[in-house]
Amino acid sequence: MKEKRNDAELKNRKTKRDYDYERRVSDIYFDLFFVFVAAGTFLWVIMHSIFDACIDSWKADPELNNFRYMWNILMYVIPYTLWAFAGGFLIVYVRNPLNELINGGIRIFRL
């Protein structure tokens, strides 16, 4: 009888250890979400400021016209790409604990 109790305690400790590991991994994804949101916002503000400061000189010189178009596209594409990555990390952050709760619940039920 003692062996079965130890076996159940071992399974409980293993399940708790797995849950704690998944929680640490999820915290990393939340940190990455925050980093990518901050980087996208920072780049959006800086790139728009540079564009607003330089647009008059770019309009005056016809050779810089293509540079103006390229900068106009990049100042939207780069921050939106970073925000899309941030959204993906947020989804993984939410999904990992839910997945562990579902699988952990099944494992606890099997005890």
N, C-alpha and C. Protein backbone atom coordinates (compact mmCIF):
# COMPACT_ATOMS: atom_id res chain seq x y z
N MET A 1 0.82 -1.20 0.00
CA MET A 1 0.00 0.00 0.00
C MET A 1 0.86 1.26 0.00
N LYS A 2 1.98 1.17 0.72
CA LYS A 2 2.87 2.32 0.81
C LYS A 2 3.47 2.65 -0.56
N GLU A 3 3.75 1.63 -1.37
CA GLU A 3 4.32 1.85 -2.68
C GLU A 3 3.36 2.62 -3.58
N LYS A 4 2.07 2.31 -3.51
CA LYS A 4 1.10 3.02 -4.33
C LYS A 4 1.00 4.48 -3.91
N ARG A 5 1.06 4.75 -2.62
CA ARG A 5 0.98 6.13 -2.15
C ARG A 5 2.21 6.91 -2.62
N ASN A 6 3.38 6.31 -2.53
CA ASN A 6 4.59 6.97 -3.00
C ASN A 6 4.54 7.21 -4.50
N ASP A 7 3.97 6.25 -5.21
CA ASP A 7 3.83 6.40 -6.64
C ASP A 7 2.90 7.57 -6.96
N ALA A 8 1.82 7.71 -6.23
CA ALA A 8 0.89 8.82 -6.44
C ALA A 8 1.56 10.15 -6.07
N GLU A 9 2.31 10.16 -4.99
CA GLU A 9 3.02 11.39 -4.61
C GLU A 9 4.05 11.76 -5.66
N LEU A 10 4.73 10.77 -6.20
CA LEU A 10 5.71 11.02 -7.25
C LEU A 10 5.05 11.62 -8.48
N LYS A 11 3.90 11.09 -8.85
CA LYS A 11 3.17 11.63 -10.00
C LYS A 11 2.71 13.06 -9.73
N ASN A 12 2.25 13.33 -8.52
CA ASN A 12 1.83 14.69 -8.17
C ASN A 12 3.00 15.66 -8.25
N ARG A 13 4.16 15.26 -7.74
CA ARG A 13 5.34 16.13 -7.81
C ARG A 13 5.77 16.36 -9.25
N LYS A 14 5.71 15.31 -10.06
CA LYS A 14 6.08 15.44 -11.47
C LYS A 14 5.11 16.38 -12.19
N THR A 15 3.84 16.25 -11.92
CA THR A 15 2.84 17.13 -12.54
C THR A 15 3.06 18.58 -12.11
N LYS A 16 3.34 18.80 -10.84
CA LYS A 16 3.60 20.15 -10.34
C LYS A 16 4.86 20.72 -10.96
N ARG A 17 5.89 19.89 -11.09
CA ARG A 17 7.14 20.33 -11.70
C ARG A 17 6.91 20.72 -13.17
N ASP A 18 6.15 19.91 -13.89
CA ASP A 18 5.85 20.22 -15.28
C ASP A 18 5.05 21.52 -15.39
N TYR A 19 4.09 21.70 -14.49
CA TYR A 19 3.29 22.92 -14.51
C TYR A 19 4.15 24.14 -14.22
N ASP A 20 5.07 24.04 -13.26
CA ASP A 20 5.96 25.16 -12.95
C ASP A 20 6.88 25.48 -14.13
N TYR A 21 7.35 24.44 -14.82
CA TYR A 21 8.19 24.66 -16.00
C TYR A 21 7.41 25.40 -17.08
N GLU A 22 6.20 24.98 -17.35
CA GLU A 22 5.38 25.64 -18.36
C GLU A 22 5.09 27.08 -17.97
N ARG A 23 4.92 27.33 -16.71
CA ARG A 23 4.67 28.70 -16.26
C ARG A 23 5.89 29.59 -16.50
N ARG A 24 7.08 29.06 -16.24
CA ARG A 24 8.30 29.83 -16.50
C ARG A 24 8.45 30.11 -17.99
N VAL A 25 8.15 29.12 -18.82
CA VAL A 25 8.23 29.30 -20.26
C VAL A 25 7.21 30.35 -20.71
N SER A 26 6.02 30.32 -20.16
CA SER A 26 4.99 31.30 -20.51
C SER A 26 5.42 32.70 -20.09
N ASP A 27 6.09 32.83 -18.97
CA ASP A 27 6.57 34.15 -18.55
C ASP A 27 7.58 34.71 -19.53
N ILE A 28 8.38 33.85 -20.13
CA ILE A 28 9.33 34.31 -21.15
C ILE A 28 8.57 34.86 -22.35
N TYR A 29 7.50 34.20 -22.75
CA TYR A 29 6.72 34.68 -23.89
C TYR A 29 6.05 36.02 -23.58
N PHE A 30 5.62 36.22 -22.34
CA PHE A 30 5.04 37.51 -21.98
C PHE A 30 6.11 38.60 -22.02
N ASP A 31 7.31 38.28 -21.58
CA ASP A 31 8.40 39.25 -21.66
C ASP A 31 8.70 39.61 -23.11
N LEU A 32 8.72 38.61 -23.99
CA LEU A 32 8.95 38.88 -25.41
C LEU A 32 7.81 39.71 -26.00
N PHE A 33 6.58 39.45 -25.58
CA PHE A 33 5.45 40.27 -26.03
C PHE A 33 5.69 41.74 -25.67
N PHE A 34 6.06 41.98 -24.43
CA PHE A 34 6.30 43.35 -23.98
C PHE A 34 7.45 44.00 -24.75
N VAL A 35 8.53 43.27 -24.98
CA VAL A 35 9.69 43.81 -25.70
C VAL A 35 9.30 44.19 -27.13
N PHE A 36 8.57 43.34 -27.82
CA PHE A 36 8.21 43.63 -29.21
C PHE A 36 7.20 44.77 -29.31
N VAL A 37 6.28 44.88 -28.37
CA VAL A 37 5.35 46.02 -28.37
C VAL A 37 6.12 47.31 -28.14
N ALA A 38 7.03 47.30 -27.19
CA ALA A 38 7.81 48.51 -26.89
C ALA A 38 8.70 48.88 -28.08
N ALA A 39 9.34 47.89 -28.70
CA ALA A 39 10.21 48.16 -29.85
C ALA A 39 9.40 48.70 -31.03
N GLY A 40 8.24 48.12 -31.29
CA GLY A 40 7.40 48.61 -32.38
C GLY A 40 6.92 50.03 -32.15
N THR A 41 6.52 50.33 -30.93
CA THR A 41 6.06 51.68 -30.61
C THR A 41 7.20 52.68 -30.70
N PHE A 42 8.36 52.30 -30.17
CA PHE A 42 9.53 53.19 -30.23
C PHE A 42 9.91 53.48 -31.68
N LEU A 43 9.98 52.44 -32.51
CA LEU A 43 10.35 52.65 -33.92
C LEU A 43 9.28 53.45 -34.65
N TRP A 44 8.03 53.24 -34.34
CA TRP A 44 6.97 54.00 -35.00
C TRP A 44 7.13 55.49 -34.70
N VAL A 45 7.37 55.83 -33.45
CA VAL A 45 7.51 57.24 -33.07
C VAL A 45 8.76 57.84 -33.71
N ILE A 46 9.89 57.15 -33.63
CA ILE A 46 11.15 57.67 -34.18
C ILE A 46 11.07 57.81 -35.69
N MET A 47 10.56 56.80 -36.38
CA MET A 47 10.51 56.85 -37.84
C MET A 47 9.55 57.93 -38.33
N HIS A 48 8.44 58.12 -37.65
CA HIS A 48 7.53 59.19 -38.05
C HIS A 48 8.15 60.56 -37.78
N SER A 49 8.89 60.68 -36.71
CA SER A 49 9.56 61.96 -36.41
C SER A 49 10.60 62.28 -37.48
N ILE A 50 11.38 61.28 -37.87
CA ILE A 50 12.39 61.50 -38.92
C ILE A 50 11.70 61.84 -40.23
N PHE A 51 10.63 61.15 -40.56
CA PHE A 51 9.92 61.43 -41.80
C PHE A 51 9.36 62.86 -41.80
N ASP A 52 8.76 63.27 -40.69
CA ASP A 52 8.21 64.62 -40.61
C ASP A 52 9.30 65.68 -40.70
N ALA A 53 10.47 65.40 -40.14
CA ALA A 53 11.56 66.37 -40.16
C ALA A 53 12.21 66.47 -41.54
N CYS A 54 12.25 65.39 -42.29
CA CYS A 54 13.00 65.36 -43.55
C CYS A 54 12.13 65.47 -44.80
N ILE A 55 10.84 65.44 -44.67
CA ILE A 55 9.98 65.37 -45.86
C ILE A 55 10.12 66.60 -46.76
N ASP A 56 10.33 67.76 -46.17
CA ASP A 56 10.45 68.97 -46.99
C ASP A 56 11.68 68.92 -47.88
N SER A 57 12.81 68.47 -47.36
CA SER A 57 14.03 68.38 -48.18
C SER A 57 13.89 67.27 -49.22
N TRP A 58 13.18 66.20 -48.90
CA TRP A 58 13.00 65.13 -49.87
C TRP A 58 12.09 65.56 -51.01
N LYS A 59 11.10 66.40 -50.72
CA LYS A 59 10.21 66.88 -51.78
C LYS A 59 10.94 67.86 -52.70
N ALA A 60 11.88 68.62 -52.14
CA ALA A 60 12.58 69.63 -52.93
C ALA A 60 13.54 68.99 -53.93
N ASP A 61 14.16 67.91 -53.58
CA ASP A 61 15.14 67.26 -54.45
C ASP A 61 14.49 66.06 -55.15
N PRO A 62 14.36 66.11 -56.49
CA PRO A 62 13.69 65.00 -57.19
C PRO A 62 14.45 63.67 -57.09
N GLU A 63 15.77 63.73 -56.87
CA GLU A 63 16.53 62.49 -56.76
C GLU A 63 16.18 61.71 -55.49
N LEU A 64 15.70 62.41 -54.48
CA LEU A 64 15.34 61.76 -53.22
C LEU A 64 13.88 61.30 -53.18
N ASN A 65 13.19 61.42 -54.30
CA ASN A 65 11.78 61.04 -54.35
C ASN A 65 11.59 59.55 -54.04
N ASN A 66 12.44 58.70 -54.62
CA ASN A 66 12.32 57.25 -54.36
C ASN A 66 12.62 56.94 -52.90
N PHE A 67 13.57 57.67 -52.32
CA PHE A 67 13.90 57.47 -50.90
C PHE A 67 12.70 57.82 -50.03
N ARG A 68 11.99 58.86 -50.43
CA ARG A 68 10.80 59.25 -49.66
C ARG A 68 9.75 58.15 -49.70
N TYR A 69 9.52 57.55 -50.87
CA TYR A 69 8.53 56.47 -50.98
C TYR A 69 8.96 55.24 -50.17
N MET A 70 10.25 54.90 -50.25
CA MET A 70 10.75 53.76 -49.51
C MET A 70 10.60 53.99 -48.00
N TRP A 71 10.97 55.19 -47.55
CA TRP A 71 10.86 55.49 -46.12
C TRP A 71 9.40 55.48 -45.67
N ASN A 72 8.51 55.97 -46.52
CA ASN A 72 7.09 55.99 -46.19
C ASN A 72 6.55 54.57 -45.99
N ILE A 73 7.00 53.63 -46.82
CA ILE A 73 6.56 52.25 -46.67
C ILE A 73 7.18 51.61 -45.44
N LEU A 74 8.49 51.79 -45.25
CA LEU A 74 9.19 51.14 -44.15
C LEU A 74 8.73 51.63 -42.78
N MET A 75 8.33 52.89 -42.69
CA MET A 75 7.93 53.39 -41.37
C MET A 75 6.59 52.80 -40.92
N TYR A 76 5.90 52.14 -41.82
CA TYR A 76 4.70 51.40 -41.42
C TYR A 76 4.96 49.89 -41.33
N VAL A 77 5.73 49.35 -42.25
CA VAL A 77 5.94 47.90 -42.31
C VAL A 77 6.70 47.39 -41.09
N ILE A 78 7.78 48.05 -40.71
CA ILE A 78 8.62 47.55 -39.61
C ILE A 78 7.86 47.53 -38.29
N PRO A 79 7.23 48.64 -37.86
CA PRO A 79 6.50 48.56 -36.58
C PRO A 79 5.33 47.57 -36.61
N TYR A 80 4.60 47.49 -37.73
CA TYR A 80 3.49 46.55 -37.79
C TYR A 80 3.98 45.10 -37.73
N THR A 81 5.14 44.83 -38.32
CA THR A 81 5.72 43.49 -38.23
C THR A 81 6.08 43.16 -36.79
N LEU A 82 6.69 44.10 -36.09
CA LEU A 82 7.03 43.87 -34.69
C LEU A 82 5.77 43.67 -33.85
N TRP A 83 4.73 44.43 -34.14
CA TRP A 83 3.47 44.27 -33.39
C TRP A 83 2.82 42.92 -33.70
N ALA A 84 2.98 42.44 -34.94
CA ALA A 84 2.44 41.11 -35.28
C ALA A 84 3.18 40.02 -34.52
N PHE A 85 4.50 40.14 -34.42
CA PHE A 85 5.26 39.19 -33.59
C PHE A 85 4.80 39.26 -32.14
N ALA A 86 4.56 40.46 -31.65
CA ALA A 86 4.10 40.61 -30.26
C ALA A 86 2.75 39.93 -30.07
N GLY A 87 1.87 40.06 -31.05
CA GLY A 87 0.58 39.37 -30.96
C GLY A 87 0.74 37.86 -30.93
N GLY A 88 1.67 37.34 -31.70
CA GLY A 88 1.93 35.90 -31.67
C GLY A 88 2.46 35.45 -30.32
N PHE A 89 3.36 36.23 -29.73
CA PHE A 89 3.87 35.87 -28.41
C PHE A 89 2.78 35.96 -27.35
N LEU A 90 1.86 36.91 -27.49
CA LEU A 90 0.75 37.00 -26.54
C LEU A 90 -0.16 35.78 -26.65
N ILE A 91 -0.41 35.32 -27.86
CA ILE A 91 -1.24 34.14 -28.05
C ILE A 91 -0.58 32.91 -27.42
N VAL A 92 0.73 32.77 -27.62
CA VAL A 92 1.44 31.63 -27.03
C VAL A 92 1.44 31.74 -25.51
N TYR A 93 1.57 32.97 -25.00
CA TYR A 93 1.55 33.18 -23.54
C TYR A 93 0.22 32.73 -22.95
N VAL A 94 -0.87 32.99 -23.64
CA VAL A 94 -2.19 32.61 -23.14
C VAL A 94 -2.44 31.12 -23.36
N ARG A 95 -1.97 30.58 -24.47
CA ARG A 95 -2.25 29.19 -24.83
C ARG A 95 -1.49 28.19 -23.97
N ASN A 96 -0.24 28.47 -23.63
CA ASN A 96 0.57 27.50 -22.88
C ASN A 96 -0.04 27.12 -21.54
N PRO A 97 -0.43 28.07 -20.68
CA PRO A 97 -1.02 27.64 -19.41
C PRO A 97 -2.35 26.90 -19.59
N LEU A 98 -3.14 27.31 -20.57
CA LEU A 98 -4.40 26.61 -20.82
C LEU A 98 -4.14 25.17 -21.25
N ASN A 99 -3.16 25.00 -22.11
CA ASN A 99 -2.81 23.65 -22.56
C ASN A 99 -2.30 22.81 -21.39
N GLU A 100 -1.50 23.41 -20.52
CA GLU A 100 -0.99 22.67 -19.37
C GLU A 100 -2.11 22.34 -18.38
N LEU A 101 -3.06 23.24 -18.23
CA LEU A 101 -4.18 22.95 -17.34
C LEU A 101 -5.02 21.80 -17.86
N ILE A 102 -5.24 21.78 -19.17
CA ILE A 102 -6.03 20.70 -19.75
C ILE A 102 -5.29 19.38 -19.62
N ASN A 103 -4.02 19.35 -20.05
CA ASN A 103 -3.25 18.11 -19.97
C ASN A 103 -2.96 17.73 -18.52
N GLY A 104 -2.67 18.71 -17.67
CA GLY A 104 -2.43 18.43 -16.26
C GLY A 104 -3.67 17.88 -15.59
N GLY A 105 -4.84 18.41 -15.96
CA GLY A 105 -6.09 17.89 -15.41
C GLY A 105 -6.32 16.45 -15.80
N ILE A 106 -5.97 16.10 -17.01
CA ILE A 106 -6.12 14.72 -17.45
C ILE A 106 -5.16 13.82 -16.67
N ARG A 107 -3.92 14.30 -16.47
CA ARG A 107 -2.95 13.50 -15.74
C ARG A 107 -3.38 13.30 -14.28
N ILE A 108 -3.91 14.35 -13.66
CA ILE A 108 -4.35 14.23 -12.28
C ILE A 108 -5.55 13.28 -12.20
N PHE A 109 -6.43 13.35 -13.21
CA PHE A 109 -7.60 12.47 -13.23
C PHE A 109 -7.17 11.00 -13.34
N ARG A 110 -6.08 10.75 -14.02
CA ARG A 110 -5.61 9.37 -14.20
C ARG A 110 -4.99 8.81 -12.93
N LEU A 111 -4.62 9.67 -11.99
CA LEU A 111 -4.02 9.16 -10.75
C LEU A 111 -5.02 8.29 -10.06
